[in-house]
Amino acid sequence: MDIRTLRYVVTLAEELHFGRAARRHFIAAQPFGQHVQRLEREVGARLFDRTSRRVAITPAGERFVAQVRVVLAEVDALYDQTAERPSGGGGPLRVGVLGFGAGDRWGALRGAVHDQLPAIVLEHHELDLADQYDTVRRGRVDVGLVQHVGEIDGLEFEPVLSSPRVAVVPATSAMADAARLTAGDLADCHWVEVASREPSLRAWVGGAAERGAPAVRQPSAIPTAVAISGRVCVHGAAAADYYPRPDVRFVPVDGPAVEVAVSVRSGDRRPEVVAFRRAAAAVRRLTGTGLLV
């Protein structure tokens, strides 16, 4: 049993799809599945039920994943307490990314960073809805690509792009074929719970989930949660390209767009951090409004 495989199992519990879960770890689906199967043999329990059409977590899997989350949090905290960062730059720039991050602008963003610092190494770290701001604020990553929902204590932001707001609804819903929805259309719906304590992010979502409902931690898992639960949620329009599902629809809805921004710790003026911020600003200028649809 290794830490990497434990992370795989948590991701699979969020995605309930081997292909999507594997892509989040930059690994092919087949070896990803082999790691999960090996872990199931080690613990002596089936964590997931698989058919040709769906993946479902078992009761044993739910208990196991809950314990694994605690273990991984402790491992990450231990790393934070003991890892030494090189002074004056020297190590890779740790880039935390929520969801699709810079979307189709990654090539331009990376190029703009390397134009300033040709030797810099960019290191990918995955963020989730619950920890996207704290991970940057606590220095676990150097910069973050996060959802910008207003001022956050301890952070500064550089806008990168916007993606129009859409409602994610079941394909069988009466709203699925609507040309456009309003907030009123969704007022009486049951909502997917989003894992964030940040008031401004919860206000952006707008809907209130039932108390005790399971919380989604990854933007990529929202369509799956909608398909399984029959509830609704909101997302950026680009989600239809990055997280498509045949059993949900992405319907334009009134309300504020998804704003993606580079986040850094307040007052962080290290050259590599400044270079990343400048690159983000340059990419937004080159793409006009920064609109990602």
C-alpha atoms as a PDB file:
ATOM      1  CA  MET A   1       0.000   0.000   0.000  1.00  0.00           C
ATOM      2  CA  ASP A   2       1.570   3.285  -1.067  1.00  0.00           C
ATOM      3  CA  ILE A   3       0.550   6.932  -0.869  1.00  0.00           C
ATOM      4  CA  ARG A   4       0.187   7.258  -4.631  1.00  0.00           C
ATOM      5  CA  THR A   5      -2.363   4.444  -4.819  1.00  0.00           C
ATOM      6  CA  LEU A   6      -4.298   5.905  -1.898  1.00  0.00           C
ATOM      7  CA  ARG A   7      -4.577   9.146  -3.852  1.00  0.00           C
ATOM      8  CA  TYR A   8      -5.797   7.164  -6.865  1.00  0.00           C
ATOM      9  CA  VAL A   9      -8.590   5.615  -4.803  1.00  0.00           C
ATOM     10  CA  VAL A  10      -9.745   8.991  -3.488  1.00  0.00           C
ATOM     11  CA  THR A  11      -9.826  10.404  -7.018  1.00  0.00           C
ATOM     12  CA  LEU A  12     -11.779   7.402  -8.311  1.00  0.00           C
ATOM     13  CA  ALA A  13     -14.299   7.880  -5.496  1.00  0.00           C
ATOM     14  CA  GLU A  14     -14.788  11.468  -6.701  1.00  0.00           C
ATOM     15  CA  GLU A  15     -14.981  10.705 -10.421  1.00  0.00           C
ATOM     16  CA  LEU A  16     -16.555   7.216 -10.466  1.00  0.00           C
ATOM     17  CA  HIS A  17     -14.947   6.836 -13.881  1.00  0.00           C
ATOM     18  CA  PHE A  18     -11.569   5.175 -14.433  1.00  0.00           C
ATOM     19  CA  GLY A  19     -10.650   7.217 -17.503  1.00  0.00           C
ATOM     20  CA  ARG A  20     -11.328  10.612 -15.933  1.00  0.00           C
ATOM     21  CA  ALA A  21      -9.703   9.625 -12.645  1.00  0.00           C
ATOM     22  CA  ALA A  22      -6.604   8.378 -14.457  1.00  0.00           C
ATOM     23  CA  ARG A  23      -6.302  11.585 -16.493  1.00  0.00           C
ATOM     24  CA  ARG A  24      -6.196  13.634 -13.304  1.00  0.00           C
ATOM     25  CA  HIS A  25      -3.005  11.751 -12.387  1.00  0.00           C
ATOM     26  CA  PHE A  26      -1.546  11.777 -15.912  1.00  0.00           C
ATOM     27  CA  ILE A  27      -1.661   7.978 -16.159  1.00  0.00           C
ATOM     28  CA  ALA A  28      -3.433   5.614 -18.561  1.00  0.00           C
ATOM     29  CA  ALA A  29      -6.667   4.004 -17.391  1.00  0.00           C
ATOM     30  CA  GLN A  30      -5.351   0.426 -17.501  1.00  0.00           C
ATOM     31  CA  PRO A  31      -2.413   0.810 -15.073  1.00  0.00           C
ATOM     32  CA  PHE A  32      -4.567   3.101 -12.929  1.00  0.00           C
ATOM     33  CA  GLY A  33      -7.142   0.312 -12.631  1.00  0.00           C
ATOM     34  CA  GLN A  34      -4.423  -2.229 -11.862  1.00  0.00           C
ATOM     35  CA  HIS A  35      -3.235  -0.121  -8.932  1.00  0.00           C
ATOM     36  CA  VAL A  36      -6.778   0.028  -7.557  1.00  0.00           C
ATOM     37  CA  GLN A  37      -7.288  -3.733  -7.968  1.00  0.00           C
ATOM     38  CA  ARG A  38      -3.977  -4.450  -6.241  1.00  0.00           C
ATOM     39  CA  LEU A  39      -5.023  -2.277  -3.315  1.00  0.00           C
ATOM     40  CA  GLU A  40      -8.369  -4.081  -3.075  1.00  0.00           C
ATOM     41  CA  ARG A  41      -6.491  -7.379  -2.806  1.00  0.00           C
ATOM     42  CA  GLU A  42      -4.248  -5.944  -0.112  1.00  0.00           C
ATOM     43  CA  VAL A  43      -7.110  -4.696   2.056  1.00  0.00           C
ATOM     44  CA  GLY A  44      -9.233  -7.768   1.353  1.00  0.00           C
ATOM     45  CA  ALA A  45     -12.345  -5.879   0.299  1.00  0.00           C
ATOM     46  CA  ARG A  46     -14.002  -4.698  -2.892  1.00  0.00           C
ATOM     47  CA  LEU A  47     -13.925  -0.903  -2.785  1.00  0.00           C
ATOM     48  CA  PHE A  48     -15.716  -0.317  -6.102  1.00  0.00           C
ATOM     49  CA  ASP A  49     -18.328  -2.200  -8.105  1.00  0.00           C
ATOM     50  CA  ARG A  50     -17.680  -2.086 -11.853  1.00  0.00           C
ATOM     51  CA  THR A  51     -19.929  -2.843 -14.770  1.00  0.00           C
ATOM     52  CA  SER A  52     -19.512  -2.017 -18.446  1.00  0.00           C
ATOM     53  CA  ARG A  53     -21.588   1.127 -17.892  1.00  0.00           C
ATOM     54  CA  ARG A  54     -20.813   2.452 -14.437  1.00  0.00           C
ATOM     55  CA  VAL A  55     -18.538   2.477 -11.434  1.00  0.00           C
ATOM     56  CA  ALA A  56     -20.016   2.669  -7.942  1.00  0.00           C
ATOM     57  CA  ILE A  57     -18.287   2.876  -4.593  1.00  0.00           C
ATOM     58  CA  THR A  58     -19.206   0.136  -2.129  1.00  0.00           C
ATOM     59  CA  PRO A  59     -20.024   0.730   1.561  1.00  0.00           C
ATOM     60  CA  ALA A  60     -16.594  -0.677   2.405  1.00  0.00           C
ATOM     61  CA  GLY A  61     -15.106   1.717  -0.136  1.00  0.00           C
ATOM     62  CA  GLU A  62     -16.858   4.697   1.429  1.00  0.00           C
ATOM     63  CA  ARG A  63     -15.473   3.803   4.859  1.00  0.00           C
ATOM     64  CA  PHE A  64     -12.013   3.205   3.433  1.00  0.00           C
ATOM     65  CA  VAL A  65     -11.914   6.466   1.459  1.00  0.00           C
ATOM     66  CA  ALA A  66     -13.030   8.461   4.509  1.00  0.00           C
ATOM     67  CA  GLN A  67     -10.096   7.035   6.473  1.00  0.00           C
ATOM     68  CA  VAL A  68      -7.706   7.557   3.577  1.00  0.00           C
ATOM     69  CA  ARG A  69      -8.614  11.252   3.397  1.00  0.00           C
ATOM     70  CA  VAL A  70      -7.538  11.607   7.029  1.00  0.00           C
ATOM     71  CA  VAL A  71      -4.275   9.781   6.362  1.00  0.00           C
ATOM     72  CA  LEU A  72      -3.475  11.878   3.287  1.00  0.00           C
ATOM     73  CA  ALA A  73      -4.216  15.094   5.163  1.00  0.00           C
ATOM     74  CA  GLU A  74      -1.731  14.037   7.842  1.00  0.00           C
ATOM     75  CA  VAL A  75       0.869  13.070   5.232  1.00  0.00           C
ATOM     76  CA  ASP A  76       0.470  16.410   3.469  1.00  0.00           C
ATOM     77  CA  ALA A  77       0.726  18.261   6.778  1.00  0.00           C
ATOM     78  CA  LEU A  78       3.894  16.343   7.617  1.00  0.00           C
ATOM     79  CA  TYR A  79       5.363  17.276   4.252  1.00  0.00           C
ATOM     80  CA  ASP A  80       4.461  20.917   4.813  1.00  0.00           C
ATOM     81  CA  GLN A  81       6.213  20.922   8.175  1.00  0.00           C
ATOM     82  CA  THR A  82       9.409  19.221   7.045  1.00  0.00           C
ATOM     83  CA  ALA A  83       9.967  20.063   3.391  1.00  0.00           C
ATOM     84  CA  GLU A  84      12.671  22.653   2.804  1.00  0.00           C
ATOM     85  CA  ARG A  85      12.254  25.019  -0.100  1.00  0.00           C
ATOM     86  CA  PRO A  86      15.417  26.318  -1.765  1.00  0.00           C
ATOM     87  CA  SER A  87      16.044  29.974  -1.014  1.00  0.00           C
ATOM     88  CA  GLY A  88      16.148  32.454  -3.844  1.00  0.00           C
ATOM     89  CA  GLY A  89      14.330  30.296  -6.362  1.00  0.00           C
ATOM     90  CA  GLY A  90      16.383  27.208  -7.404  1.00  0.00           C
ATOM     91  CA  GLY A  91      13.613  24.628  -7.158  1.00  0.00           C
ATOM     92  CA  PRO A  92      10.600  24.086  -9.389  1.00  0.00           C
ATOM     93  CA  LEU A  93       7.736  26.565  -9.261  1.00  0.00           C
ATOM     94  CA  ARG A  94       4.829  24.678  -7.709  1.00  0.00           C
ATOM     95  CA  VAL A  95       1.683  25.527  -9.675  1.00  0.00           C
ATOM     96  CA  GLY A  96      -1.603  24.555  -8.048  1.00  0.00           C
ATOM     97  CA  VAL A  97      -4.464  24.025 -10.503  1.00  0.00           C
ATOM     98  CA  LEU A  98      -8.202  23.846  -9.870  1.00  0.00           C
ATOM     99  CA  GLY A  99     -10.240  22.089 -12.553  1.00  0.00           C
ATOM    100  CA  PHE A 100      -9.418  23.074 -16.129  1.00  0.00           C
ATOM    101  CA  GLY A 101      -7.261  25.948 -14.881  1.00  0.00           C
ATOM    102  CA  ALA A 102      -6.140  28.089 -17.803  1.00  0.00           C
ATOM    103  CA  GLY A 103      -8.108  25.943 -20.269  1.00  0.00           C
ATOM    104  CA  ASP A 104      -6.741  26.200 -23.796  1.00  0.00           C
ATOM    105  CA  ARG A 105      -4.365  28.991 -22.716  1.00  0.00           C
ATOM    106  CA  TRP A 106      -1.852  26.709 -21.007  1.00  0.00           C
ATOM    107  CA  GLY A 107       0.567  26.712 -23.935  1.00  0.00           C
ATOM    108  CA  ALA A 108       0.548  30.498 -24.155  1.00  0.00           C
ATOM    109  CA  LEU A 109       0.871  30.875 -20.385  1.00  0.00           C
ATOM    110  CA  ARG A 110       3.760  28.444 -20.112  1.00  0.00           C
ATOM    111  CA  GLY A 111       5.501  30.089 -23.064  1.00  0.00           C
ATOM    112  CA  ALA A 112       5.127  33.548 -21.535  1.00  0.00           C
ATOM    113  CA  VAL A 113       6.710  32.308 -18.307  1.00  0.00           C
ATOM    114  CA  HIS A 114       9.633  30.707 -20.135  1.00  0.00           C
ATOM    115  CA  ASP A 115      10.178  33.854 -22.189  1.00  0.00           C
ATOM    116  CA  GLN A 116      11.107  35.559 -18.906  1.00  0.00           C
ATOM    117  CA  LEU A 117      12.815  32.645 -17.128  1.00  0.00           C
ATOM    118  CA  PRO A 118      13.936  30.065 -19.743  1.00  0.00           C
ATOM    119  CA  ALA A 119      15.291  27.573 -17.198  1.00  0.00           C
ATOM    120  CA  ILE A 120      12.297  27.559 -14.869  1.00  0.00           C
ATOM    121  CA  VAL A 121      10.599  24.224 -14.156  1.00  0.00           C
ATOM    122  CA  LEU A 122       6.831  24.270 -13.592  1.00  0.00           C
ATOM    123  CA  GLU A 123       5.510  21.562 -11.270  1.00  0.00           C
ATOM    124  CA  HIS A 124       1.799  20.636 -11.330  1.00  0.00           C
ATOM    125  CA  HIS A 125      -0.169  20.269  -8.085  1.00  0.00           C
ATOM    126  CA  GLU A 126      -3.888  19.526  -7.992  1.00  0.00           C
ATOM    127  CA  LEU A 127      -6.176  21.827  -6.009  1.00  0.00           C
ATOM    128  CA  ASP A 128      -9.749  21.163  -4.974  1.00  0.00           C
ATOM    129  CA  LEU A 129     -12.732  23.372  -4.202  1.00  0.00           C
ATOM    130  CA  ALA A 130     -12.229  23.066  -0.458  1.00  0.00           C
ATOM    131  CA  ASP A 131      -8.517  23.883  -0.257  1.00  0.00           C
ATOM    132  CA  GLN A 132      -7.780  26.036  -3.321  1.00  0.00           C
ATOM    133  CA  TYR A 133      -7.189  29.233  -1.339  1.00  0.00           C
ATOM    134  CA  ASP A 134      -5.610  27.764   1.802  1.00  0.00           C
ATOM    135  CA  THR A 135      -3.109  25.741  -0.225  1.00  0.00           C
ATOM    136  CA  VAL A 136      -1.720  28.948  -1.730  1.00  0.00           C
ATOM    137  CA  ARG A 137      -2.004  30.943   1.482  1.00  0.00           C
ATOM    138  CA  ARG A 138      -0.096  28.321   3.500  1.00  0.00           C
ATOM    139  CA  GLY A 139       2.689  28.064   0.934  1.00  0.00           C
ATOM    140  CA  ARG A 140       2.044  24.482  -0.133  1.00  0.00           C
ATOM    141  CA  VAL A 141       2.171  25.792  -3.708  1.00  0.00           C
ATOM    142  CA  ASP A 142       3.845  28.937  -5.037  1.00  0.00           C
ATOM    143  CA  VAL A 143       1.028  30.068  -7.335  1.00  0.00           C
ATOM    144  CA  GLY A 144      -2.483  28.794  -7.904  1.00  0.00           C
ATOM    145  CA  LEU A 145      -4.941  28.785 -10.798  1.00  0.00           C
ATOM    146  CA  VAL A 146      -8.159  29.226  -8.815  1.00  0.00           C
ATOM    147  CA  GLN A 147     -11.717  30.478  -9.112  1.00  0.00           C
ATOM    148  CA  HIS A 148     -11.704  34.192  -8.344  1.00  0.00           C
ATOM    149  CA  VAL A 149     -14.821  35.158  -6.403  1.00  0.00           C
ATOM    150  CA  GLY A 150     -13.592  38.372  -4.791  1.00  0.00           C
ATOM    151  CA  GLU A 151     -11.024  39.400  -2.226  1.00  0.00           C
ATOM    152  CA  ILE A 152      -9.577  36.619  -0.058  1.00  0.00           C
ATOM    153  CA  ASP A 153      -7.511  37.472   3.018  1.00  0.00           C
ATOM    154  CA  GLY A 154      -3.807  36.864   2.488  1.00  0.00           C
ATOM    155  CA  LEU A 155      -3.978  36.489  -1.295  1.00  0.00           C
ATOM    156  CA  GLU A 156      -3.481  38.618  -4.408  1.00  0.00           C
ATOM    157  CA  PHE A 157      -5.007  37.777  -7.796  1.00  0.00           C
ATOM    158  CA  GLU A 158      -4.148  38.219 -11.471  1.00  0.00           C
ATOM    159  CA  PRO A 159      -7.144  37.507 -13.776  1.00  0.00           C
ATOM    160  CA  VAL A 160      -6.552  35.009 -16.584  1.00  0.00           C
ATOM    161  CA  LEU A 161      -9.887  34.166 -18.206  1.00  0.00           C
ATOM    162  CA  SER A 162     -13.657  34.008 -17.828  1.00  0.00           C
ATOM    163  CA  SER A 163     -16.077  31.234 -18.746  1.00  0.00           C
ATOM    164  CA  PRO A 164     -19.825  31.975 -18.963  1.00  0.00           C
ATOM    165  CA  ARG A 165     -22.023  30.462 -16.281  1.00  0.00           C
ATOM    166  CA  VAL A 166     -24.024  27.322 -17.081  1.00  0.00           C
ATOM    167  CA  ALA A 167     -26.385  25.123 -15.107  1.00  0.00           C
ATOM    168  CA  VAL A 168     -25.481  21.440 -15.053  1.00  0.00           C
ATOM    169  CA  VAL A 169     -28.766  19.508 -15.102  1.00  0.00           C
ATOM    170  CA  PRO A 170     -29.771  15.876 -15.723  1.00  0.00           C
ATOM    171  CA  ALA A 171     -30.494  15.105 -19.368  1.00  0.00           C
ATOM    172  CA  THR A 172     -33.954  13.902 -18.297  1.00  0.00           C
ATOM    173  CA  SER A 173     -34.775  17.214 -16.601  1.00  0.00           C
ATOM    174  CA  ALA A 174     -37.460  19.482 -18.024  1.00  0.00           C
ATOM    175  CA  MET A 175     -34.757  22.179 -18.118  1.00  0.00           C
ATOM    176  CA  ALA A 176     -32.351  20.167 -20.270  1.00  0.00           C
ATOM    177  CA  ASP A 177     -33.606  21.565 -23.584  1.00  0.00           C
ATOM    178  CA  ALA A 178     -33.984  25.176 -22.458  1.00  0.00           C
ATOM    179  CA  ALA A 179     -32.143  27.810 -24.481  1.00  0.00           C
ATOM    180  CA  ARG A 180     -31.368  29.719 -21.295  1.00  0.00           C
ATOM    181  CA  LEU A 181     -32.294  29.550 -17.622  1.00  0.00           C
ATOM    182  CA  THR A 182     -32.729  32.128 -14.882  1.00  0.00           C
ATOM    183  CA  ALA A 183     -31.961  31.859 -11.196  1.00  0.00           C
ATOM    184  CA  GLY A 184     -35.694  31.571 -10.646  1.00  0.00           C
ATOM    185  CA  ASP A 185     -35.848  28.458 -12.821  1.00  0.00           C
ATOM    186  CA  LEU A 186     -33.441  26.752 -10.422  1.00  0.00           C
ATOM    187  CA  ALA A 187     -34.936  28.101  -7.206  1.00  0.00           C
ATOM    188  CA  ASP A 188     -36.884  24.964  -6.292  1.00  0.00           C
ATOM    189  CA  CYS A 189     -34.245  22.465  -7.412  1.00  0.00           C
ATOM    190  CA  HIS A 190     -32.188  20.187  -5.200  1.00  0.00           C
ATOM    191  CA  TRP A 191     -28.529  21.191  -5.427  1.00  0.00           C
ATOM    192  CA  VAL A 192     -25.230  19.340  -5.404  1.00  0.00           C
ATOM    193  CA  GLU A 193     -23.202  20.326  -2.351  1.00  0.00           C
ATOM    194  CA  VAL A 194     -19.872  22.042  -3.121  1.00  0.00           C
ATOM    195  CA  ALA A 195     -17.043  21.466  -0.645  1.00  0.00           C
ATOM    196  CA  SER A 196     -16.037  24.977   0.333  1.00  0.00           C
ATOM    197  CA  ARG A 197     -16.380  27.059   3.467  1.00  0.00           C
ATOM    198  CA  GLU A 198     -15.485  30.263   1.607  1.00  0.00           C
ATOM    199  CA  PRO A 199     -18.658  32.420   1.775  1.00  0.00           C
ATOM    200  CA  SER A 200     -17.985  34.206  -1.513  1.00  0.00           C
ATOM    201  CA  LEU A 201     -17.642  30.918  -3.413  1.00  0.00           C
ATOM    202  CA  ARG A 202     -20.810  29.512  -1.868  1.00  0.00           C
ATOM    203  CA  ALA A 203     -22.591  32.748  -2.781  1.00  0.00           C
ATOM    204  CA  TRP A 204     -21.359  32.379  -6.372  1.00  0.00           C
ATOM    205  CA  VAL A 205     -22.873  28.894  -6.569  1.00  0.00           C
ATOM    206  CA  GLY A 206     -26.140  30.336  -5.340  1.00  0.00           C
ATOM    207  CA  GLY A 207     -28.137  27.204  -4.565  1.00  0.00           C
ATOM    208  CA  ALA A 208     -28.364  25.546  -1.168  1.00  0.00           C
ATOM    209  CA  ALA A 209     -27.835  21.793  -0.874  1.00  0.00           C
ATOM    210  CA  GLU A 210     -29.635  19.626   1.630  1.00  0.00           C
ATOM    211  CA  ARG A 211     -27.918  19.431   5.002  1.00  0.00           C
ATOM    212  CA  GLY A 212     -25.648  16.405   5.177  1.00  0.00           C
ATOM    213  CA  ALA A 213     -25.486  15.891   1.414  1.00  0.00           C
ATOM    214  CA  PRO A 214     -22.121  14.542   0.151  1.00  0.00           C
ATOM    215  CA  ALA A 215     -19.862  17.387  -0.954  1.00  0.00           C
ATOM    216  CA  VAL A 216     -18.087  17.524  -4.322  1.00  0.00           C
ATOM    217  CA  ARG A 217     -14.435  18.536  -4.050  1.00  0.00           C
ATOM    218  CA  GLN A 218     -13.416  18.665  -7.717  1.00  0.00           C
ATOM    219  CA  PRO A 219     -15.013  20.696 -10.536  1.00  0.00           C
ATOM    220  CA  SER A 220     -14.561  17.655 -12.777  1.00  0.00           C
ATOM    221  CA  ALA A 221     -16.819  15.617 -10.473  1.00  0.00           C
ATOM    222  CA  ILE A 222     -19.798  18.000 -10.632  1.00  0.00           C
ATOM    223  CA  PRO A 223     -21.348  16.509 -13.819  1.00  0.00           C
ATOM    224  CA  THR A 224     -21.012  12.997 -12.375  1.00  0.00           C
ATOM    225  CA  ALA A 225     -22.650  14.105  -9.133  1.00  0.00           C
ATOM    226  CA  VAL A 226     -25.522  15.637 -11.118  1.00  0.00           C
ATOM    227  CA  ALA A 227     -25.969  12.467 -13.179  1.00  0.00           C
ATOM    228  CA  ILE A 228     -26.014  10.205 -10.127  1.00  0.00           C
ATOM    229  CA  SER A 229     -28.069  12.343  -7.747  1.00  0.00           C
ATOM    230  CA  GLY A 230     -30.468  14.038 -10.163  1.00  0.00           C
ATOM    231  CA  ARG A 231     -29.601  17.343  -8.507  1.00  0.00           C
ATOM    232  CA  VAL A 232     -28.300  20.484 -10.232  1.00  0.00           C
ATOM    233  CA  CYS A 233     -25.243  22.695  -9.933  1.00  0.00           C
ATOM    234  CA  VAL A 234     -23.494  25.503 -11.808  1.00  0.00           C
ATOM    235  CA  HIS A 235     -20.207  25.518 -13.694  1.00  0.00           C
ATOM    236  CA  GLY A 236     -18.263  27.351 -16.386  1.00  0.00           C
ATOM    237  CA  ALA A 237     -19.371  26.748 -19.978  1.00  0.00           C
ATOM    238  CA  ALA A 238     -15.967  25.210 -20.731  1.00  0.00           C
ATOM    239  CA  ALA A 239     -16.964  22.268 -18.531  1.00  0.00           C
ATOM    240  CA  ALA A 240     -19.016  20.933 -21.447  1.00  0.00           C
ATOM    241  CA  ASP A 241     -15.741  20.416 -23.338  1.00  0.00           C
ATOM    242  CA  TYR A 242     -13.559  19.261 -20.455  1.00  0.00           C
ATOM    243  CA  TYR A 243     -16.065  17.119 -18.505  1.00  0.00           C
ATOM    244  CA  PRO A 244     -18.743  15.957 -20.993  1.00  0.00           C
ATOM    245  CA  ARG A 245     -21.296  13.312 -20.056  1.00  0.00           C
ATOM    246  CA  PRO A 246     -24.151  11.983 -22.198  1.00  0.00           C
ATOM    247  CA  ASP A 247     -26.548  12.036 -19.246  1.00  0.00           C
ATOM    248  CA  VAL A 248     -26.240  15.710 -18.294  1.00  0.00           C
ATOM    249  CA  ARG A 249     -26.755  18.999 -20.100  1.00  0.00           C
ATOM    250  CA  PHE A 250     -24.896  22.301 -19.739  1.00  0.00           C
ATOM    251  CA  VAL A 251     -27.488  25.067 -20.102  1.00  0.00           C
ATOM    252  CA  PRO A 252     -26.616  28.806 -20.100  1.00  0.00           C
ATOM    253  CA  VAL A 253     -27.925  30.471 -16.958  1.00  0.00           C
ATOM    254  CA  ASP A 254     -28.031  34.037 -15.688  1.00  0.00           C
ATOM    255  CA  GLY A 255     -25.411  35.022 -13.154  1.00  0.00           C
ATOM    256  CA  PRO A 256     -21.706  35.781 -12.798  1.00  0.00           C
ATOM    257  CA  ALA A 257     -19.232  33.908 -14.990  1.00  0.00           C
ATOM    258  CA  VAL A 258     -16.465  31.650 -13.738  1.00  0.00           C
ATOM    259  CA  GLU A 259     -13.440  33.901 -13.282  1.00  0.00           C
ATOM    260  CA  VAL A 260     -10.100  32.078 -13.270  1.00  0.00           C
ATOM    261  CA  ALA A 261      -7.125  33.907 -11.794  1.00  0.00           C
ATOM    262  CA  VAL A 262      -3.564  33.338 -10.699  1.00  0.00           C
ATOM    263  CA  SER A 263      -3.419  33.590  -6.916  1.00  0.00           C
ATOM    264  CA  VAL A 264      -0.275  34.293  -4.900  1.00  0.00           C
ATOM    265  CA  ARG A 265       0.438  35.079  -1.281  1.00  0.00           C
ATOM    266  CA  SER A 266       0.129  38.759  -0.475  1.00  0.00           C
ATOM    267  CA  GLY A 267       3.498  40.465  -0.776  1.00  0.00           C
ATOM    268  CA  ASP A 268       5.216  37.527  -2.524  1.00  0.00           C
ATOM    269  CA  ARG A 269       7.628  39.230  -4.910  1.00  0.00           C
ATOM    270  CA  ARG A 270       9.967  36.370  -5.725  1.00  0.00           C
ATOM    271  CA  PRO A 271      11.133  36.676  -9.360  1.00  0.00           C
ATOM    272  CA  GLU A 272       9.496  33.425 -10.478  1.00  0.00           C
ATOM    273  CA  VAL A 273       6.161  34.392  -8.902  1.00  0.00           C
ATOM    274  CA  VAL A 274       6.274  37.847 -10.471  1.00  0.00           C
ATOM    275  CA  ALA A 275       7.107  36.247 -13.840  1.00  0.00           C
ATOM    276  CA  PHE A 276       4.068  33.972 -13.595  1.00  0.00           C
ATOM    277  CA  ARG A 277       1.799  36.920 -12.787  1.00  0.00           C
ATOM    278  CA  ARG A 278       3.187  38.905 -15.706  1.00  0.00           C
ATOM    279  CA  ALA A 279       2.643  35.925 -17.995  1.00  0.00           C
ATOM    280  CA  ALA A 280      -0.996  35.660 -16.889  1.00  0.00           C
ATOM    281  CA  ALA A 281      -1.569  39.355 -17.564  1.00  0.00           C
ATOM    282  CA  ALA A 282       0.063  39.061 -20.998  1.00  0.00           C
ATOM    283  CA  VAL A 283      -2.070  36.061 -21.953  1.00  0.00           C
ATOM    284  CA  ARG A 284      -5.252  37.855 -20.936  1.00  0.00           C
ATOM    285  CA  ARG A 285      -4.266  40.910 -23.014  1.00  0.00           C
ATOM    286  CA  LEU A 286      -3.490  38.749 -26.039  1.00  0.00           C
ATOM    287  CA  THR A 287      -6.861  36.983 -25.830  1.00  0.00           C
ATOM    288  CA  GLY A 288      -8.884  40.175 -25.464  1.00  0.00           C
ATOM    289  CA  THR A 289     -11.584  39.603 -22.854  1.00  0.00           C
ATOM    290  CA  GLY A 290     -10.048  36.306 -21.819  1.00  0.00           C
ATOM    291  CA  LEU A 291     -13.375  34.622 -22.552  1.00  0.00           C
ATOM    292  CA  LEU A 292     -13.303  30.822 -22.572  1.00  0.00           C
ATOM    293  CA  VAL A 293     -16.511  29.270 -23.892  1.00  0.00           C
END
